[in-house]
Structures are given as C-alpha cells and as structure tokens.
Amino acid sequence: MSNYDPANEYHSEMVTDACECALSKHLPVNFDDPVAYMKLMFRLIRWVERLIRDPDSQVRCNPRDMEAAAHDLCLFLFQAPDLCHNDLTIADIQGASPAYPDLDGE
C-alpha cells in the first residue's frame, strides 16, 4: 500500500501537478473552458488518488506513476467521442465502458 496522505499538502500538490501535466498533453493549446477544465481535473485527481490508495494497484505516490495514471484516464476520456466533456459525469464514463472501474469507488 502507498504512503499517500491526502492531508499532506505536498502529496496533494504532487497529485494536482501530475494531473495538470497529463491533461495539458491532451487539451488543445487554445482550450479556454474553465468549467470543463475543472471537471476534468476533478475526475483525474479523484481517479489518481483512488489508484494510489488501492493496495492492488501498481500506482505509487511518485510523480511518474501519478502522471501515467492520469494520462491513461485522459486517453480513455478523449477517445470516447460520444462523451461531452462539458457535461461529463461518472455515469457517462461508466456507461461508455462497463468494464471501466467505478470512479466513485462504490
């Protein structure tokens, strides 16, 4: 199990930085929709934090693993053209692929 502590400001910043880095590689340079950006970042951060805390996951509390996990989720989201990123919901993601892990952890 990872030593990730969400109350640790350094760990939280590390997750956020990794997610921002991964997302920046998938968004167009002129992307200017702060609401969509925040929804995507929220999903990425929750997803990466969930993977870090999962004892069966290979993702550890280090920038490289976290960015790779965020990149994988970006690949899934941006290769699903039927999803509207402005109205992205957990149900939309799960509906697009029933095999995809539950982002809520339920």
Protein backbone atom coordinates (compact mmCIF):
# COMPACT_ATOMS: atom_id res chain seq x y z
CA MET A 1 0.00 0.00 0.00
CA SER A 2 1.12 3.51 -0.77
CA ASN A 3 2.16 6.05 1.83
CA TYR A 4 -0.12 8.68 0.24
CA ASP A 5 -1.74 11.06 2.71
CA PRO A 6 -4.40 13.39 1.25
CA ALA A 7 -3.97 15.70 4.27
CA ASN A 8 -0.30 16.15 3.37
CA GLU A 9 -0.09 19.34 1.29
CA TYR A 10 2.98 18.07 -0.58
CA HIS A 11 1.18 14.87 -1.64
CA SER A 12 -1.90 16.82 -2.76
CA GLU A 13 0.23 19.21 -4.81
CA MET A 14 2.09 16.29 -6.35
CA VAL A 15 -1.19 14.69 -7.49
CA THR A 16 -2.50 18.01 -8.84
CA ASP A 17 0.74 18.74 -10.71
CA ALA A 18 0.81 15.25 -12.24
CA CYS A 19 -2.82 15.58 -13.37
CA GLU A 20 -2.24 19.06 -14.82
CA CYS A 21 0.78 17.81 -16.72
CA ALA A 22 -1.12 14.83 -18.15
CA LEU A 23 -4.18 16.91 -19.06
CA SER A 24 -2.08 19.61 -20.75
CA LYS A 25 -0.82 16.98 -23.21
CA HIS A 26 -4.39 16.17 -24.29
CA LEU A 27 -6.05 19.58 -24.49
CA PRO A 28 -5.69 21.91 -27.48
CA VAL A 29 -3.37 24.88 -26.94
CA ASN A 30 -6.26 27.34 -27.28
CA PHE A 31 -8.58 25.44 -24.90
CA ASP A 32 -10.45 28.05 -22.86
CA ASP A 33 -13.32 26.47 -20.95
CA PRO A 34 -12.58 26.76 -17.23
CA VAL A 35 -15.67 24.78 -16.21
CA ALA A 36 -14.78 21.82 -18.42
CA TYR A 37 -11.14 22.04 -17.31
CA MET A 38 -12.12 21.94 -13.63
CA LYS A 39 -14.47 18.99 -14.20
CA LEU A 40 -11.71 17.08 -15.96
CA MET A 41 -9.14 17.93 -13.29
CA PHE A 42 -11.55 16.86 -10.55
CA ARG A 43 -12.07 13.48 -12.26
CA LEU A 44 -8.34 13.00 -12.82
CA ILE A 45 -7.38 13.87 -9.26
CA ARG A 46 -10.03 11.59 -7.75
CA TRP A 47 -9.03 8.76 -10.10
CA VAL A 48 -5.31 9.06 -9.33
CA GLU A 49 -5.92 9.34 -5.57
CA ARG A 50 -8.10 6.24 -5.70
CA LEU A 51 -5.41 4.29 -7.54
CA ILE A 52 -2.71 5.38 -5.10
CA ARG A 53 -4.78 4.18 -2.13
CA ASP A 54 -5.70 0.87 -3.77
CA PRO A 55 -3.40 -1.86 -2.37
CA ASP A 56 -3.83 -3.90 -5.57
CA SER A 57 -2.78 -1.02 -7.80
CA GLN A 58 0.71 -0.62 -9.22
CA VAL A 59 0.43 3.19 -8.94
CA ARG A 60 2.59 4.59 -6.17
CA CYS A 61 2.94 8.01 -4.58
CA ASN A 62 5.50 9.38 -7.02
CA PRO A 63 5.11 11.90 -9.85
CA ARG A 64 5.89 9.44 -12.66
CA ASP A 65 3.28 6.87 -11.59
CA MET A 66 0.66 9.52 -10.91
CA GLU A 67 1.16 11.25 -14.26
CA ALA A 68 1.00 7.91 -16.09
CA ALA A 69 -2.30 7.07 -14.34
CA ALA A 70 -3.76 10.48 -15.20
CA HIS A 71 -2.54 10.09 -18.79
CA ASP A 72 -4.31 6.71 -19.04
CA LEU A 73 -7.61 8.23 -17.91
CA CYS A 74 -7.17 11.12 -20.37
CA LEU A 75 -6.67 8.60 -23.17
CA PHE A 76 -9.91 6.90 -22.19
CA LEU A 77 -11.88 10.15 -21.93
CA PHE A 78 -10.62 11.72 -25.13
CA GLN A 79 -11.03 8.54 -27.17
CA ALA A 80 -14.72 8.37 -26.24
CA PRO A 81 -16.20 10.81 -28.80
CA ASP A 82 -19.76 10.24 -27.58
CA LEU A 83 -18.93 11.90 -24.26
CA CYS A 84 -19.42 15.64 -23.99
CA HIS A 85 -16.62 16.88 -21.76
CA ASN A 86 -18.59 19.94 -20.64
CA ASP A 87 -21.26 17.71 -19.09
CA LEU A 88 -19.04 14.81 -18.10
CA THR A 89 -20.45 12.68 -15.32
CA ILE A 90 -19.30 9.50 -13.66
CA ALA A 91 -22.38 7.76 -15.07
CA ASP A 92 -21.35 8.80 -18.60
CA ILE A 93 -17.90 7.32 -18.15
CA GLN A 94 -19.20 4.07 -16.68
CA GLY A 95 -21.92 3.86 -19.34
CA ALA A 96 -19.33 4.18 -22.09
CA SER A 97 -17.45 1.17 -20.80
CA PRO A 98 -19.00 -1.13 -18.18
CA ALA A 99 -15.60 -2.75 -17.69
CA TYR A 100 -14.07 0.58 -16.69
CA PRO A 101 -13.55 0.88 -12.92
CA ASP A 102 -16.11 2.71 -10.81
CA LEU A 103 -14.70 6.21 -10.28
CA ASP A 104 -16.73 6.64 -7.09
CA GLY A 105 -15.26 3.51 -5.56
CA GLU A 106 -18.71 2.13 -4.85
